[in-house]
Structures are given as C-alpha cells and as structure tokens.
PDB file of N, CA and C in Angstrom:
ATOM      1  N   UNK A   1       1.066  -1.055   0.090  1.00  0.00           N
ATOM      2  CA  UNK A   1       0.074  -0.156   0.318  1.00  0.00           C
ATOM      3  C   UNK A   1       1.142   1.159  -0.041  1.00  0.00           C
ATOM      4  N   UNK A   2       0.334   2.231  -0.826  1.00  0.00           N
ATOM      5  CA  UNK A   2       1.171   3.441  -0.608  1.00  0.00           C
ATOM      6  C   UNK A   2       1.225   4.274   0.416  1.00  0.00           C
ATOM      7  N   UNK A   3       2.339   4.979   0.995  1.00  0.00           N
ATOM      8  CA  UNK A   3       2.067   5.702   2.136  1.00  0.00           C
ATOM      9  C   UNK A   3       1.864   7.038   1.708  1.00  0.00           C
ATOM     10  N   UNK A   4       0.618   7.534   2.622  1.00  0.00           N
ATOM     11  CA  UNK A   4       0.454   8.633   2.089  1.00  0.00           C
ATOM     12  C   UNK A   4       1.007  10.117   2.411  1.00  0.00           C
ATOM     13  N   UNK A   5       1.977   9.449   3.712  1.00  0.00           N
ATOM     14  CA  UNK A   5       2.552  10.478   4.260  1.00  0.00           C
ATOM     15  C   UNK A   5       4.210  10.645   3.628  1.00  0.00           C
ATOM     16  N   UNK A   6       4.297  10.234   2.467  1.00  0.00           N
ATOM     17  CA  UNK A   6       5.633  10.302   1.544  1.00  0.00           C
ATOM     18  C   UNK A   6       5.679  11.676   0.952  1.00  0.00           C
ATOM     19  N   UNK A   7       6.764  12.450   0.695  1.00  0.00           N
ATOM     20  CA  UNK A   7       7.040  13.800   0.190  1.00  0.00           C
ATOM     21  C   UNK A   7       6.261  13.092  -1.387  1.00  0.00           C
ATOM     22  N   UNK A   8       5.901  14.353  -1.989  1.00  0.00           N
ATOM     23  CA  UNK A   8       5.794  13.975  -3.811  1.00  0.00           C
ATOM     24  C   UNK A   8       6.843  13.390  -4.444  1.00  0.00           C
ATOM     25  N   UNK A   9       7.986  13.856  -4.191  1.00  0.00           N
ATOM     26  CA  UNK A   9       8.813  13.641  -5.112  1.00  0.00           C
ATOM     27  C   UNK A   9       9.261  12.358  -4.645  1.00  0.00           C
ATOM     28  N   UNK A  10       9.053  11.906  -3.370  1.00  0.00           N
ATOM     29  CA  UNK A  10       9.463  10.319  -2.949  1.00  0.00           C
ATOM     30  C   UNK A  10       8.627   9.508  -3.527  1.00  0.00           C
ATOM     31  N   UNK A  11       7.118   9.863  -3.385  1.00  0.00           N
ATOM     32  CA  UNK A  11       6.248   8.832  -3.860  1.00  0.00           C
ATOM     33  C   UNK A  11       6.297   8.505  -5.716  1.00  0.00           C
ATOM     34  N   UNK A  12       6.738   9.647  -5.961  1.00  0.00           N
ATOM     35  CA  UNK A  12       7.274   9.762  -7.454  1.00  0.00           C
ATOM     36  C   UNK A  12       8.336   8.627  -7.753  1.00  0.00           C
ATOM     37  N   UNK A  13       9.205   9.158  -7.110  1.00  0.00           N
ATOM     38  CA  UNK A  13      10.303   7.799  -7.435  1.00  0.00           C
ATOM     39  C   UNK A  13       9.987   6.652  -6.974  1.00  0.00           C
ATOM     40  N   UNK A  14       9.270   6.219  -5.899  1.00  0.00           N
ATOM     41  CA  UNK A  14       8.771   4.965  -5.648  1.00  0.00           C
ATOM     42  C   UNK A  14       8.143   4.073  -6.820  1.00  0.00           C
ATOM     43  N   UNK A  15       7.640   4.966  -7.500  1.00  0.00           N
ATOM     44  CA  UNK A  15       6.735   4.209  -8.554  1.00  0.00           C
ATOM     45  C   UNK A  15       7.236   4.050  -9.795  1.00  0.00           C
ATOM     46  N   UNK A  16       7.728   5.639 -10.297  1.00  0.00           N
ATOM     47  CA  UNK A  16       8.003   5.755 -11.497  1.00  0.00           C
ATOM     48  C   UNK A  16       9.688   4.735 -11.874  1.00  0.00           C
ATOM     49  N   UNK A  17      10.605   4.838 -11.165  1.00  0.00           N
ATOM     50  CA  UNK A  17      11.584   4.239 -11.377  1.00  0.00           C
ATOM     51  C   UNK A  17      11.566   3.064 -11.513  1.00  0.00           C
ATOM     52  N   UNK A  18      10.668   2.319 -10.598  1.00  0.00           N
ATOM     53  CA  UNK A  18      10.471   0.591 -10.577  1.00  0.00           C
ATOM     54  C   UNK A  18       9.862   0.059 -12.132  1.00  0.00           C
ATOM     55  N   UNK A  19       8.924   0.987 -12.487  1.00  0.00           N
ATOM     56  CA  UNK A  19       8.083   1.124 -13.538  1.00  0.00           C
ATOM     57  C   UNK A  19       9.214   1.359 -14.988  1.00  0.00           C
ATOM     58  N   UNK A  20      10.021   2.238 -14.831  1.00  0.00           N
ATOM     59  CA  UNK A  20      10.479   2.332 -15.934  1.00  0.00           C
ATOM     60  C   UNK A  20      11.789   1.297 -16.225  1.00  0.00           C
ATOM     61  N   UNK A  21      12.174   0.827 -14.826  1.00  0.00           N
ATOM     62  CA  UNK A  21      13.112  -0.397 -14.591  1.00  0.00           C
ATOM     63  C   UNK A  21      12.426  -1.598 -15.612  1.00  0.00           C
ATOM     64  N   UNK A  22      10.798  -1.972 -15.329  1.00  0.00           N
ATOM     65  CA  UNK A  22      10.155  -2.960 -15.835  1.00  0.00           C
ATOM     66  C   UNK A  22      10.329  -2.787 -17.168  1.00  0.00           C
ATOM     67  N   UNK A  23       9.778  -1.643 -17.914  1.00  0.00           N
ATOM     68  CA  UNK A  23       9.942  -1.294 -19.194  1.00  0.00           C
ATOM     69  C   UNK A  23      11.302  -1.770 -19.933  1.00  0.00           C
ATOM     70  N   UNK A  24      12.388  -1.308 -19.596  1.00  0.00           N
ATOM     71  CA  UNK A  24      13.616  -1.805 -19.827  1.00  0.00           C
ATOM     72  C   UNK A  24      13.569  -2.921 -19.802  1.00  0.00           C
ATOM     73  N   UNK A  25      13.409  -3.681 -19.109  1.00  0.00           N
ATOM     74  CA  UNK A  25      13.684  -5.348 -18.612  1.00  0.00           C
ATOM     75  C   UNK A  25      12.629  -5.844 -19.813  1.00  0.00           C
ATOM     76  N   UNK A  26      11.552  -5.729 -20.077  1.00  0.00           N
ATOM     77  CA  UNK A  26      10.437  -6.489 -21.193  1.00  0.00           C
ATOM     78  C   UNK A  26      10.891  -5.863 -22.191  1.00  0.00           C
ATOM     79  N   UNK A  27      11.256  -4.959 -22.904  1.00  0.00           N
ATOM     80  CA  UNK A  27      11.666  -4.500 -23.926  1.00  0.00           C
ATOM     81  C   UNK A  27      12.862  -5.204 -24.081  1.00  0.00           C
ATOM     82  N   UNK A  28      14.066  -5.197 -23.294  1.00  0.00           N
ATOM     83  CA  UNK A  28      15.213  -6.044 -23.702  1.00  0.00           C
ATOM     84  C   UNK A  28      14.882  -7.425 -24.008  1.00  0.00           C
ATOM     85  N   UNK A  29      14.119  -7.871 -23.198  1.00  0.00           N
ATOM     86  CA  UNK A  29      13.573  -9.505 -23.652  1.00  0.00           C
ATOM     87  C   UNK A  29      13.336  -9.771 -24.894  1.00  0.00           C
ATOM     88  N   UNK A  30      11.925  -8.928 -25.112  1.00  0.00           N
ATOM     89  CA  UNK A  30      11.092  -8.817 -26.602  1.00  0.00           C
ATOM     90  C   UNK A  30      12.175  -8.581 -27.651  1.00  0.00           C
ATOM     91  N   UNK A  31      13.012  -7.803 -27.333  1.00  0.00           N
ATOM     92  CA  UNK A  31      14.359  -7.139 -28.441  1.00  0.00           C
ATOM     93  C   UNK A  31      14.961  -8.710 -28.960  1.00  0.00           C
ATOM     94  N   UNK A  32      15.540  -9.393 -27.557  1.00  0.00           N
ATOM     95  CA  UNK A  32      16.368 -10.708 -27.703  1.00  0.00           C
ATOM     96  C   UNK A  32      15.854 -11.490 -28.376  1.00  0.00           C
ATOM     97  N   UNK A  33      14.236 -11.700 -28.151  1.00  0.00           N
ATOM     98  CA  UNK A  33      13.316 -12.530 -28.735  1.00  0.00           C
ATOM     99  C   UNK A  33      13.405 -12.357 -30.368  1.00  0.00           C
ATOM    100  N   UNK A  34      13.252 -11.163 -30.886  1.00  0.00           N
ATOM    101  CA  UNK A  34      12.773 -10.765 -32.028  1.00  0.00           C
ATOM    102  C   UNK A  34      14.230 -11.086 -32.790  1.00  0.00           C
ATOM    103  N   UNK A  35      15.410 -10.824 -31.914  1.00  0.00           N
ATOM    104  CA  UNK A  35      16.493 -10.817 -32.995  1.00  0.00           C
ATOM    105  C   UNK A  35      17.323 -11.834 -33.042  1.00  0.00           C
ATOM    106  N   UNK A  36      16.600 -12.936 -32.217  1.00  0.00           N
ATOM    107  CA  UNK A  36      17.342 -14.449 -32.344  1.00  0.00           C
ATOM    108  C   UNK A  36      16.657 -15.340 -32.518  1.00  0.00           C
ATOM    109  N   UNK A  37      15.279 -15.055 -32.724  1.00  0.00           N
ATOM    110  CA  UNK A  37      14.503 -16.206 -33.329  1.00  0.00           C
ATOM    111  C   UNK A  37      14.093 -15.997 -34.776  1.00  0.00           C
ATOM    112  N   UNK A  38      13.439 -16.927 -35.445  1.00  0.00           N
ATOM    113  CA  UNK A  38      12.488 -16.888 -36.211  1.00  0.00           C
ATOM    114  C   UNK A  38      11.084 -16.951 -36.012  1.00  0.00           C
ATOM    115  N   UNK A  39      10.117 -16.336 -35.954  1.00  0.00           N
ATOM    116  CA  UNK A  39       8.892 -16.392 -35.117  1.00  0.00           C
ATOM    117  C   UNK A  39       8.223 -16.828 -36.801  1.00  0.00           C
ATOM    118  N   UNK A  40       7.869 -18.106 -36.714  1.00  0.00           N
ATOM    119  CA  UNK A  40       7.584 -18.691 -37.936  1.00  0.00           C
ATOM    120  C   UNK A  40       5.795 -18.154 -38.135  1.00  0.00           C
ATOM    121  N   UNK A  41       5.091 -17.503 -37.345  1.00  0.00           N
ATOM    122  CA  UNK A  41       3.976 -17.234 -37.969  1.00  0.00           C
ATOM    123  C   UNK A  41       3.675 -15.611 -38.070  1.00  0.00           C
ATOM    124  N   UNK A  42       4.943 -15.070 -38.006  1.00  0.00           N
ATOM    125  CA  UNK A  42       4.907 -13.793 -38.605  1.00  0.00           C
ATOM    126  C   UNK A  42       5.825 -13.945 -39.705  1.00  0.00           C
ATOM    127  N   UNK A  43       5.863 -12.630 -40.801  1.00  0.00           N
ATOM    128  CA  UNK A  43       6.125 -12.528 -41.950  1.00  0.00           C
ATOM    129  C   UNK A  43       7.616 -11.809 -41.740  1.00  0.00           C
ATOM    130  N   UNK A  44       8.790 -11.938 -42.164  1.00  0.00           N
ATOM    131  CA  UNK A  44      10.065 -10.875 -41.839  1.00  0.00           C
ATOM    132  C   UNK A  44       9.703  -9.958 -41.548  1.00  0.00           C
ATOM    133  N   UNK A  45       8.909  -9.153 -42.696  1.00  0.00           N
ATOM    134  CA  UNK A  45       8.634  -7.827 -42.329  1.00  0.00           C
ATOM    135  C   UNK A  45       7.780  -7.407 -41.060  1.00  0.00           C
ATOM    136  N   UNK A  46       6.772  -8.359 -40.569  1.00  0.00           N
ATOM    137  CA  UNK A  46       6.006  -8.050 -39.186  1.00  0.00           C
ATOM    138  C   UNK A  46       7.110  -8.253 -38.279  1.00  0.00           C
ATOM    139  N   UNK A  47       8.415  -8.886 -38.247  1.00  0.00           N
ATOM    140  CA  UNK A  47       9.035  -9.155 -37.295  1.00  0.00           C
ATOM    141  C   UNK A  47       9.971  -8.061 -37.144  1.00  0.00           C
ATOM    142  N   UNK A  48      10.257  -7.585 -38.237  1.00  0.00           N
ATOM    143  CA  UNK A  48      11.180  -6.575 -38.645  1.00  0.00           C
ATOM    144  C   UNK A  48      10.610  -5.263 -37.856  1.00  0.00           C
ATOM    145  N   UNK A  49       9.221  -5.005 -38.229  1.00  0.00           N
ATOM    146  CA  UNK A  49       8.161  -3.907 -37.652  1.00  0.00           C
ATOM    147  C   UNK A  49       8.310  -4.078 -36.511  1.00  0.00           C
ATOM    148  N   UNK A  50       8.164  -5.011 -35.796  1.00  0.00           N
ATOM    149  CA  UNK A  50       7.958  -5.344 -34.163  1.00  0.00           C
ATOM    150  C   UNK A  50       9.260  -4.773 -33.494  1.00  0.00           C
ATOM    151  N   UNK A  51      10.420  -5.368 -33.981  1.00  0.00           N
ATOM    152  CA  UNK A  51      12.044  -5.246 -33.490  1.00  0.00           C
ATOM    153  C   UNK A  51      11.832  -3.722 -33.775  1.00  0.00           C
ATOM    154  N   UNK A  52      11.867  -2.824 -34.567  1.00  0.00           N
ATOM    155  CA  UNK A  52      11.868  -1.536 -34.869  1.00  0.00           C
ATOM    156  C   UNK A  52      11.196  -0.818 -34.074  1.00  0.00           C
ATOM    157  N   UNK A  53       9.827  -0.943 -33.476  1.00  0.00           N
ATOM    158  CA  UNK A  53       9.307  -0.468 -32.857  1.00  0.00           C
ATOM    159  C   UNK A  53       9.890  -0.608 -31.194  1.00  0.00           C
ATOM    160  N   UNK A  54      10.438  -1.915 -30.949  1.00  0.00           N
ATOM    161  CA  UNK A  54      10.884  -2.305 -29.507  1.00  0.00           C
ATOM    162  C   UNK A  54      11.902  -1.505 -29.326  1.00  0.00           C
ATOM    163  N   UNK A  55      12.714  -1.457 -30.210  1.00  0.00           N
ATOM    164  CA  UNK A  55      13.898  -0.602 -30.266  1.00  0.00           C
ATOM    165  C   UNK A  55      13.654   0.874 -29.795  1.00  0.00           C
ATOM    166  N   UNK A  56      12.920   1.892 -30.624  1.00  0.00           N
ATOM    167  CA  UNK A  56      12.176   2.771 -30.550  1.00  0.00           C
ATOM    168  C   UNK A  56      11.780   3.093 -29.334  1.00  0.00           C
ATOM    169  N   UNK A  57      10.991   2.211 -28.722  1.00  0.00           N
ATOM    170  CA  UNK A  57      10.553   2.421 -27.361  1.00  0.00           C
ATOM    171  C   UNK A  57      11.622   2.343 -26.117  1.00  0.00           C
ATOM    172  N   UNK A  58      12.655   1.073 -26.419  1.00  0.00           N
ATOM    173  CA  UNK A  58      13.634   1.351 -25.834  1.00  0.00           C
ATOM    174  C   UNK A  58      14.584   2.447 -25.301  1.00  0.00           C
ATOM    175  N   UNK A  59      14.805   3.672 -26.549  1.00  0.00           N
ATOM    176  CA  UNK A  59      15.368   4.521 -26.348  1.00  0.00           C
ATOM    177  C   UNK A  59      14.596   5.905 -25.865  1.00  0.00           C
ATOM    178  N   UNK A  60      13.260   5.764 -25.726  1.00  0.00           N
ATOM    179  CA  UNK A  60      12.411   6.355 -25.302  1.00  0.00           C
ATOM    180  C   UNK A  60      12.620   6.126 -23.498  1.00  0.00           C
ATOM    181  N   UNK A  61      12.552   5.320 -23.362  1.00  0.00           N
ATOM    182  CA  UNK A  61      12.770   4.583 -22.044  1.00  0.00           C
ATOM    183  C   UNK A  61      13.605   4.948 -21.466  1.00  0.00           C
ATOM    184  N   UNK A  62      14.623   4.638 -22.240  1.00  0.00           N
ATOM    185  CA  UNK A  62      16.174   5.378 -21.516  1.00  0.00           C
ATOM    186  C   UNK A  62      16.339   6.648 -21.731  1.00  0.00           C
ATOM    187  N   UNK A  63      15.899   7.384 -22.348  1.00  0.00           N
ATOM    188  CA  UNK A  63      16.053   8.830 -22.360  1.00  0.00           C
ATOM    189  C   UNK A  63      14.791   9.656 -21.338  1.00  0.00           C
ATOM    190  N   UNK A  64      13.769   8.791 -20.832  1.00  0.00           N
ATOM    191  CA  UNK A  64      12.957   9.079 -19.672  1.00  0.00           C
ATOM    192  C   UNK A  64      13.778   8.867 -18.496  1.00  0.00           C
ATOM    193  N   UNK A  65      14.367   7.855 -18.588  1.00  0.00           N
ATOM    194  CA  UNK A  65      15.378   7.588 -17.394  1.00  0.00           C
ATOM    195  C   UNK A  65      16.049   8.136 -17.418  1.00  0.00           C
ATOM    196  N   UNK A  66      17.009   8.866 -18.213  1.00  0.00           N
ATOM    197  CA  UNK A  66      17.957   9.862 -18.265  1.00  0.00           C
ATOM    198  C   UNK A  66      17.533  11.074 -17.488  1.00  0.00           C
ATOM    199  N   UNK A  67      16.128  11.510 -17.707  1.00  0.00           N
ATOM    200  CA  UNK A  67      15.781  12.881 -17.727  1.00  0.00           C
ATOM    201  C   UNK A  67      14.964  12.675 -16.244  1.00  0.00           C
ATOM    202  N   UNK A  68      15.014  11.760 -15.694  1.00  0.00           N
ATOM    203  CA  UNK A  68      14.111  11.521 -14.250  1.00  0.00           C
ATOM    204  C   UNK A  68      15.427  11.283 -13.570  1.00  0.00           C
ATOM    205  N   UNK A  69      16.664  10.739 -13.663  1.00  0.00           N
ATOM    206  CA  UNK A  69      17.638  10.741 -13.273  1.00  0.00           C
ATOM    207  C   UNK A  69      18.311  12.022 -12.829  1.00  0.00           C
ATOM    208  N   UNK A  70      18.489  12.547 -13.754  1.00  0.00           N
ATOM    209  CA  UNK A  70      19.108  14.128 -14.028  1.00  0.00           C
ATOM    210  C   UNK A  70      18.453  15.135 -13.241  1.00  0.00           C
ATOM    211  N   UNK A  71      17.191  14.886 -13.070  1.00  0.00           N
ATOM    212  CA  UNK A  71      16.596  15.802 -12.082  1.00  0.00           C
ATOM    213  C   UNK A  71      16.669  15.665 -10.843  1.00  0.00           C
ATOM    214  N   UNK A  72      16.963  14.260 -10.034  1.00  0.00           N
ATOM    215  CA  UNK A  72      16.858  14.004  -9.003  1.00  0.00           C
ATOM    216  C   UNK A  72      15.423  13.362  -8.925  1.00  0.00           C
ATOM    217  N   UNK A  73      14.444  12.920  -9.963  1.00  0.00           N
ATOM    218  CA  UNK A  73      13.205  12.103  -9.608  1.00  0.00           C
ATOM    219  C   UNK A  73      12.498  13.261  -9.501  1.00  0.00           C
ATOM    220  N   UNK A  74      12.671  14.659 -10.226  1.00  0.00           N
ATOM    221  CA  UNK A  74      11.215  15.621 -10.001  1.00  0.00           C
ATOM    222  C   UNK A  74      10.182  15.909 -10.959  1.00  0.00           C
ATOM    223  N   UNK A  75      10.921  14.965 -11.942  1.00  0.00           N
ATOM    224  CA  UNK A  75       9.585  14.810 -13.512  1.00  0.00           C
ATOM    225  C   UNK A  75       9.098  13.865 -13.287  1.00  0.00           C
ATOM    226  N   UNK A  76       7.865  14.002 -13.827  1.00  0.00           N
ATOM    227  CA  UNK A  76       6.846  12.723 -14.016  1.00  0.00           C
ATOM    228  C   UNK A  76       6.802  12.283 -15.847  1.00  0.00           C
ATOM    229  N   UNK A  77       6.272  11.619 -16.166  1.00  0.00           N
ATOM    230  CA  UNK A  77       5.834  11.053 -17.263  1.00  0.00           C
ATOM    231  C   UNK A  77       4.481  11.013 -17.583  1.00  0.00           C
ATOM    232  N   UNK A  78       3.665  11.514 -18.757  1.00  0.00           N
ATOM    233  CA  UNK A  78       2.601  11.897 -19.015  1.00  0.00           C
ATOM    234  C   UNK A  78       2.261  10.250 -19.438  1.00  0.00           C
ATOM    235  N   UNK A  79       0.715   9.849 -18.939  1.00  0.00           N
ATOM    236  CA  UNK A  79       0.077   8.799 -19.062  1.00  0.00           C
ATOM    237  C   UNK A  79       0.049   8.483 -20.813  1.00  0.00           C
ATOM    238  N   UNK A  80       0.125   9.410 -21.406  1.00  0.00           N
ATOM    239  CA  UNK A  80       0.098   9.505 -23.072  1.00  0.00           C
ATOM    240  C   UNK A  80       1.336   8.889 -23.606  1.00  0.00           C
ATOM    241  N   UNK A  81       2.788   8.876 -22.760  1.00  0.00           N
ATOM    242  CA  UNK A  81       3.535   8.439 -23.071  1.00  0.00           C
ATOM    243  C   UNK A  81       3.507   7.028 -22.924  1.00  0.00           C
ATOM    244  N   UNK A  82       3.321   6.812 -21.353  1.00  0.00           N
ATOM    245  CA  UNK A  82       3.399   5.371 -20.874  1.00  0.00           C
ATOM    246  C   UNK A  82       2.499   4.450 -21.604  1.00  0.00           C
ATOM    247  N   UNK A  83       1.400   5.032 -22.049  1.00  0.00           N
ATOM    248  CA  UNK A  83       0.499   3.727 -22.749  1.00  0.00           C
ATOM    249  C   UNK A  83       0.590   3.259 -23.650  1.00  0.00           C
ATOM    250  N   UNK A  84       1.429   3.742 -24.698  1.00  0.00           N
ATOM    251  CA  UNK A  84       1.606   2.859 -26.004  1.00  0.00           C
ATOM    252  C   UNK A  84       2.931   2.451 -25.525  1.00  0.00           C
ATOM    253  N   UNK A  85       3.909   2.477 -24.551  1.00  0.00           N
ATOM    254  CA  UNK A  85       4.881   1.078 -24.261  1.00  0.00           C
ATOM    255  C   UNK A  85       4.232   0.391 -23.769  1.00  0.00           C
ATOM    256  N   UNK A  86       2.871   0.639 -23.058  1.00  0.00           N
ATOM    257  CA  UNK A  86       1.890  -0.453 -22.457  1.00  0.00           C
ATOM    258  C   UNK A  86       1.871  -1.427 -23.669  1.00  0.00           C
ATOM    259  N   UNK A  87       0.831  -0.621 -24.578  1.00  0.00           N
ATOM    260  CA  UNK A  87       0.122  -1.344 -25.181  1.00  0.00           C
ATOM    261  C   UNK A  87       1.203  -2.469 -26.388  1.00  0.00           C
ATOM    262  N   UNK A  88       2.449  -1.499 -26.622  1.00  0.00           N
ATOM    263  CA  UNK A  88       3.754  -2.371 -27.320  1.00  0.00           C
ATOM    264  C   UNK A  88       3.908  -3.971 -26.551  1.00  0.00           C
ATOM    265  N   UNK A  89       4.286  -3.300 -24.976  1.00  0.00           N
ATOM    266  CA  UNK A  89       4.609  -4.386 -24.372  1.00  0.00           C
ATOM    267  C   UNK A  89       3.724  -5.829 -24.565  1.00  0.00           C
ATOM    268  N   UNK A  90       2.550  -5.504 -24.277  1.00  0.00           N
ATOM    269  CA  UNK A  90       1.272  -5.947 -24.551  1.00  0.00           C
ATOM    270  C   UNK A  90       1.311  -7.050 -25.713  1.00  0.00           C
ATOM    271  N   UNK A  91       1.549  -6.231 -26.836  1.00  0.00           N
ATOM    272  CA  UNK A  91       2.226  -6.964 -28.309  1.00  0.00           C
ATOM    273  C   UNK A  91       2.884  -7.979 -28.026  1.00  0.00           C
ATOM    274  N   UNK A  92       4.127  -7.508 -27.245  1.00  0.00           N
ATOM    275  CA  UNK A  92       5.204  -8.335 -27.410  1.00  0.00           C
ATOM    276  C   UNK A  92       4.861  -9.604 -26.697  1.00  0.00           C
ATOM    277  N   UNK A  93       4.077  -9.673 -25.269  1.00  0.00           N
ATOM    278  CA  UNK A  93       4.036 -10.426 -24.633  1.00  0.00           C
ATOM    279  C   UNK A  93       3.174 -11.558 -25.125  1.00  0.00           C
ATOM    280  N   UNK A  94       2.125 -11.104 -26.238  1.00  0.00           N
ATOM    281  CA  UNK A  94       1.404 -11.925 -26.845  1.00  0.00           C
ATOM    282  C   UNK A  94       2.148 -13.068 -28.090  1.00  0.00           C
ATOM    283  N   UNK A  95       2.966 -11.914 -28.643  1.00  0.00           N
ATOM    284  CA  UNK A  95       3.879 -12.709 -29.808  1.00  0.00           C
ATOM    285  C   UNK A  95       4.477 -13.778 -28.876  1.00  0.00           C
ATOM    286  N   UNK A  96       5.084 -13.621 -27.650  1.00  0.00           N
ATOM    287  CA  UNK A  96       6.231 -14.239 -26.865  1.00  0.00           C
ATOM    288  C   UNK A  96       5.245 -15.552 -26.602  1.00  0.00           C
ATOM    289  N   UNK A  97       3.916 -15.541 -25.954  1.00  0.00           N
ATOM    290  CA  UNK A  97       3.393 -16.680 -25.677  1.00  0.00           C
ATOM    291  C   UNK A  97       3.020 -17.344 -26.546  1.00  0.00           C
ATOM    292  N   UNK A  98       2.617 -17.006 -27.753  1.00  0.00           N
ATOM    293  CA  UNK A  98       2.408 -17.622 -29.215  1.00  0.00           C
ATOM    294  C   UNK A  98       3.415 -18.268 -29.520  1.00  0.00           C
ATOM    295  N   UNK A  99       4.566 -18.034 -29.818  1.00  0.00           N
ATOM    296  CA  UNK A  99       5.847 -18.237 -29.994  1.00  0.00           C
ATOM    297  C   UNK A  99       6.539 -19.539 -29.255  1.00  0.00           C
ATOM    298  N   UNK A 100       6.519 -19.591 -27.931  1.00  0.00           N
ATOM    299  CA  UNK A 100       6.412 -20.689 -27.084  1.00  0.00           C
ATOM    300  C   UNK A 100       5.254 -21.764 -27.432  1.00  0.00           C
ATOM    301  N   UNK A 101       4.230 -21.483 -27.399  1.00  0.00           N
ATOM    302  CA  UNK A 101       3.155 -22.479 -28.004  1.00  0.00           C
ATOM    303  C   UNK A 101       3.524 -22.905 -29.196  1.00  0.00           C
ATOM    304  N   UNK A 102       3.367 -22.420 -30.004  1.00  0.00           N
ATOM    305  CA  UNK A 102       3.995 -22.635 -31.374  1.00  0.00           C
ATOM    306  C   UNK A 102       5.512 -23.607 -31.605  1.00  0.00           C
ATOM    307  N   UNK A 103       6.344 -23.289 -30.733  1.00  0.00           N
ATOM    308  CA  UNK A 103       7.574 -23.654 -30.735  1.00  0.00           C
ATOM    309  C   UNK A 103       7.823 -25.306 -30.168  1.00  0.00           C
ATOM    310  N   UNK A 104       6.612 -25.132 -29.014  1.00  0.00           N
ATOM    311  CA  UNK A 104       6.460 -26.736 -28.157  1.00  0.00           C
ATOM    312  C   UNK A 104       5.987 -27.544 -28.842  1.00  0.00           C
ATOM    313  N   UNK A 105       5.262 -27.154 -30.099  1.00  0.00           N
ATOM    314  CA  UNK A 105       4.134 -28.066 -30.542  1.00  0.00           C
ATOM    315  C   UNK A 105       4.966 -28.563 -32.053  1.00  0.00           C
ATOM    316  N   UNK A 106       6.474 -27.862 -32.230  1.00  0.00           N
ATOM    317  CA  UNK A 106       6.933 -28.440 -33.424  1.00  0.00           C
ATOM    318  C   UNK A 106       7.478 -29.875 -33.123  1.00  0.00           C
ATOM    319  N   UNK A 107       7.559 -30.717 -34.402  1.00  0.00           N
ATOM    320  CA  UNK A 107       7.961 -31.772 -33.845  1.00  0.00           C
ATOM    321  C   UNK A 107       9.447 -31.850 -33.665  1.00  0.00           C
ATOM    322  N   UNK A 108       9.947 -32.844 -32.740  1.00  0.00           N
ATOM    323  CA  UNK A 108      11.482 -32.971 -32.216  1.00  0.00           C
ATOM    324  C   UNK A 108      11.525 -32.030 -31.240  1.00  0.00           C
ATOM    325  N   UNK A 109      10.296 -30.977 -30.390  1.00  0.00           N
ATOM    326  CA  UNK A 109      10.710 -30.296 -29.516  1.00  0.00           C
ATOM    327  C   UNK A 109       9.911 -31.156 -28.124  1.00  0.00           C
TER     328      UNK A 109
END
C-alpha cells in the first residue's frame, strides 16, 4: 500500500523508477527474442517492424530514465507517453506466448 505521508517526489521515485526499470527489462527481452528467433507465424517484415518499434521504445524509455535521474526524480511522465509503451509490451507478450506455444508444438521439441 502507498504511504500517504511520503513527500510527492519520493512517491514519484517509488513508483516511476521501478516502472521504467520494468519497461527496460521487458523491452530488452522482447528485442532479444525478435533478434535471435525466427517467429514462424510472423512474416519477416512483421518481425522487423515489431523489432523496430521495440528498439524505438527502448530509446524513449532510456531517455525518460536519464531525464528522471538528471532531475533527481523531480519530473514525471505523462500517461499519454506510458500507454503506447504498455500497449507495445502487451503485443510483445502475446507474440512471446504464441511463440512458446508454437515452438513447443513443433516435432522434435
């Protein structure tokens, strides 16, 4: 539960920093999957497009983290920025789950 007695900047740090770290972690995992595996149910173009969007989001998240750290956690991020990252991660999670199911059903696996 959130502590209502935390100063606003501390509350922002306690919420935003872990969220940005999570975005970084999941975008890194998604990029690794898309760079190292052939996703059989996606065309090469679809896979490349998704990878490009993930790489763009990684740069945006890192920029937001750098700004957040440079200001000592004094700036927030608009939800209009966060929501596209969240939607992209949801898309990546769907691809990953489908890939695991598809990959585990292949003969010899």
